[in-house]
Each structure stands twice: as C-alpha cells, then as structure tokens.
Amino acid sequence: MKNMTLADWQDLLVAEIGPDRCLDEYYCDLICAANEMLRLGLVDRKEWHGQIQQAGDWLVAAIEQEQAGK
C-alpha cells in the first residue's frame, strides 16, 4: 500500500472483478485503499474526495450493469 499511487488506485476502478467477487466487498476495498492513502499522506483531501466520488460512481455503474444483465 505504501507504494500505491493515485494512478494505481484508479487502475483498480477499471480492473475486471471475477464473478466470485462481491461488488460491495470490492467497493469497500476501494474505500479502504483510498483511506489508507490519505493516512499515509499519499493523497491530499481533494484527491481523496475525488477517489471516494469515483468509487461511488463505480459502484452505481456496476449495480446498474448487474441489473441490466438480469
């Protein structure tokens, strides 16, 4: 985690997650990673806020995609 950059974190947003992976768990992982980056001083408040917004947008899009597939 200490070596994670903002670009690395953003790569997580576009990574394919397996069918065995729960959307909620992946979302929590995104949030936890963003929080840890803030704690370590790897991002500032504005960047962190952007990460949280992107993670929320990712979750909404993933749920919409999941619903469309049903």
C-alpha atoms as a PDB file:
ATOM      1  CA  MET A   1       0.000   0.000   0.000  1.00  0.00           C
ATOM      2  CA  LYS A   2       2.821   2.396   0.783  1.00  0.00           C
ATOM      3  CA  ASN A   3       3.913   2.291  -2.849  1.00  0.00           C
ATOM      4  CA  MET A   4       0.415   2.726  -4.303  1.00  0.00           C
ATOM      5  CA  THR A   5      -0.028   5.832  -6.400  1.00  0.00           C
ATOM      6  CA  LEU A   6      -3.219   7.573  -7.380  1.00  0.00           C
ATOM      7  CA  ALA A   7      -2.795   6.043 -10.856  1.00  0.00           C
ATOM      8  CA  ASP A   8      -2.512   2.560  -9.299  1.00  0.00           C
ATOM      9  CA  TRP A   9      -5.702   3.167  -7.359  1.00  0.00           C
ATOM     10  CA  GLN A  10      -7.503   4.343 -10.500  1.00  0.00           C
ATOM     11  CA  ASP A  11      -6.393   1.133 -12.225  1.00  0.00           C
ATOM     12  CA  LEU A  12      -8.433  -0.719  -9.592  1.00  0.00           C
ATOM     13  CA  LEU A  13     -11.527   1.097 -10.864  1.00  0.00           C
ATOM     14  CA  VAL A  14     -11.173  -0.413 -14.328  1.00  0.00           C
ATOM     15  CA  ALA A  15      -9.937  -3.846 -13.274  1.00  0.00           C
ATOM     16  CA  GLU A  16     -12.156  -6.783 -14.102  1.00  0.00           C
ATOM     17  CA  ILE A  17     -13.500  -8.407 -10.980  1.00  0.00           C
ATOM     18  CA  GLY A  18     -14.317 -12.084 -11.016  1.00  0.00           C
ATOM     19  CA  PRO A  19     -17.828 -13.449 -10.680  1.00  0.00           C
ATOM     20  CA  ASP A  20     -16.860 -14.835  -7.273  1.00  0.00           C
ATOM     21  CA  ARG A  21     -16.159 -11.317  -6.007  1.00  0.00           C
ATOM     22  CA  CYS A  22     -18.931  -9.347  -4.296  1.00  0.00           C
ATOM     23  CA  LEU A  23     -19.449  -5.791  -5.570  1.00  0.00           C
ATOM     24  CA  ASP A  24     -19.897  -4.495  -2.029  1.00  0.00           C
ATOM     25  CA  GLU A  25     -16.620  -6.076  -0.891  1.00  0.00           C
ATOM     26  CA  TYR A  26     -14.735  -4.617  -3.860  1.00  0.00           C
ATOM     27  CA  TYR A  27     -16.259  -1.194  -3.158  1.00  0.00           C
ATOM     28  CA  CYS A  28     -15.140  -1.463   0.469  1.00  0.00           C
ATOM     29  CA  ASP A  29     -11.632  -2.378  -0.720  1.00  0.00           C
ATOM     30  CA  LEU A  30     -11.577   0.750  -2.909  1.00  0.00           C
ATOM     31  CA  ILE A  31     -12.673   2.944   0.002  1.00  0.00           C
ATOM     32  CA  CYS A  32     -10.209   1.325   2.415  1.00  0.00           C
ATOM     33  CA  ALA A  33      -7.351   1.800  -0.047  1.00  0.00           C
ATOM     34  CA  ALA A  34      -8.290   5.464  -0.523  1.00  0.00           C
ATOM     35  CA  ASN A  35      -8.480   5.987   3.247  1.00  0.00           C
ATOM     36  CA  GLU A  36      -5.094   4.366   3.762  1.00  0.00           C
ATOM     37  CA  MET A  37      -3.549   6.534   1.052  1.00  0.00           C
ATOM     38  CA  LEU A  38      -4.885   9.610   2.874  1.00  0.00           C
ATOM     39  CA  ARG A  39      -3.499   8.384   6.200  1.00  0.00           C
ATOM     40  CA  LEU A  40      -0.083   7.792   4.642  1.00  0.00           C
ATOM     41  CA  GLY A  41      -0.055  11.237   3.052  1.00  0.00           C
ATOM     42  CA  LEU A  42      -0.040   9.812  -0.484  1.00  0.00           C
ATOM     43  CA  VAL A  43      -3.051  11.941  -1.439  1.00  0.00           C
ATOM     44  CA  ASP A  44      -4.440  15.204  -0.149  1.00  0.00           C
ATOM     45  CA  ARG A  45      -8.011  15.866   0.938  1.00  0.00           C
ATOM     46  CA  LYS A  46      -9.136  16.933  -2.546  1.00  0.00           C
ATOM     47  CA  GLU A  47      -7.636  13.838  -4.195  1.00  0.00           C
ATOM     48  CA  TRP A  48      -9.147  11.603  -1.507  1.00  0.00           C
ATOM     49  CA  HIS A  49     -12.569  13.164  -2.015  1.00  0.00           C
ATOM     50  CA  GLY A  50     -12.232  12.501  -5.741  1.00  0.00           C
ATOM     51  CA  GLN A  51     -11.366   8.873  -5.033  1.00  0.00           C
ATOM     52  CA  ILE A  52     -14.446   8.450  -2.847  1.00  0.00           C
ATOM     53  CA  GLN A  53     -16.629  10.012  -5.561  1.00  0.00           C
ATOM     54  CA  GLN A  54     -15.106   7.745  -8.225  1.00  0.00           C
ATOM     55  CA  ALA A  55     -15.621   4.670  -6.054  1.00  0.00           C
ATOM     56  CA  GLY A  56     -19.281   5.602  -5.575  1.00  0.00           C
ATOM     57  CA  ASP A  57     -19.713   6.167  -9.295  1.00  0.00           C
ATOM     58  CA  TRP A  58     -18.063   2.792  -9.940  1.00  0.00           C
ATOM     59  CA  LEU A  59     -20.462   1.031  -7.569  1.00  0.00           C
ATOM     60  CA  VAL A  60     -23.547   2.646  -9.114  1.00  0.00           C
ATOM     61  CA  ALA A  61     -22.376   1.703 -12.622  1.00  0.00           C
ATOM     62  CA  ALA A  62     -21.580  -1.867 -11.534  1.00  0.00           C
ATOM     63  CA  ILE A  63     -25.009  -2.281  -9.923  1.00  0.00           C
ATOM     64  CA  GLU A  64     -26.738  -0.855 -12.999  1.00  0.00           C
ATOM     65  CA  GLN A  65     -24.767  -3.250 -15.190  1.00  0.00           C
ATOM     66  CA  GLU A  66     -25.667  -6.137 -12.889  1.00  0.00           C
ATOM     67  CA  GLN A  67     -29.358  -5.197 -13.027  1.00  0.00           C
ATOM     68  CA  ALA A  68     -29.286  -4.921 -16.818  1.00  0.00           C
ATOM     69  CA  GLY A  69     -27.921  -8.457 -17.013  1.00  0.00           C
ATOM     70  CA  LYS A  70     -30.850  -9.907 -15.067  1.00  0.00           C
END
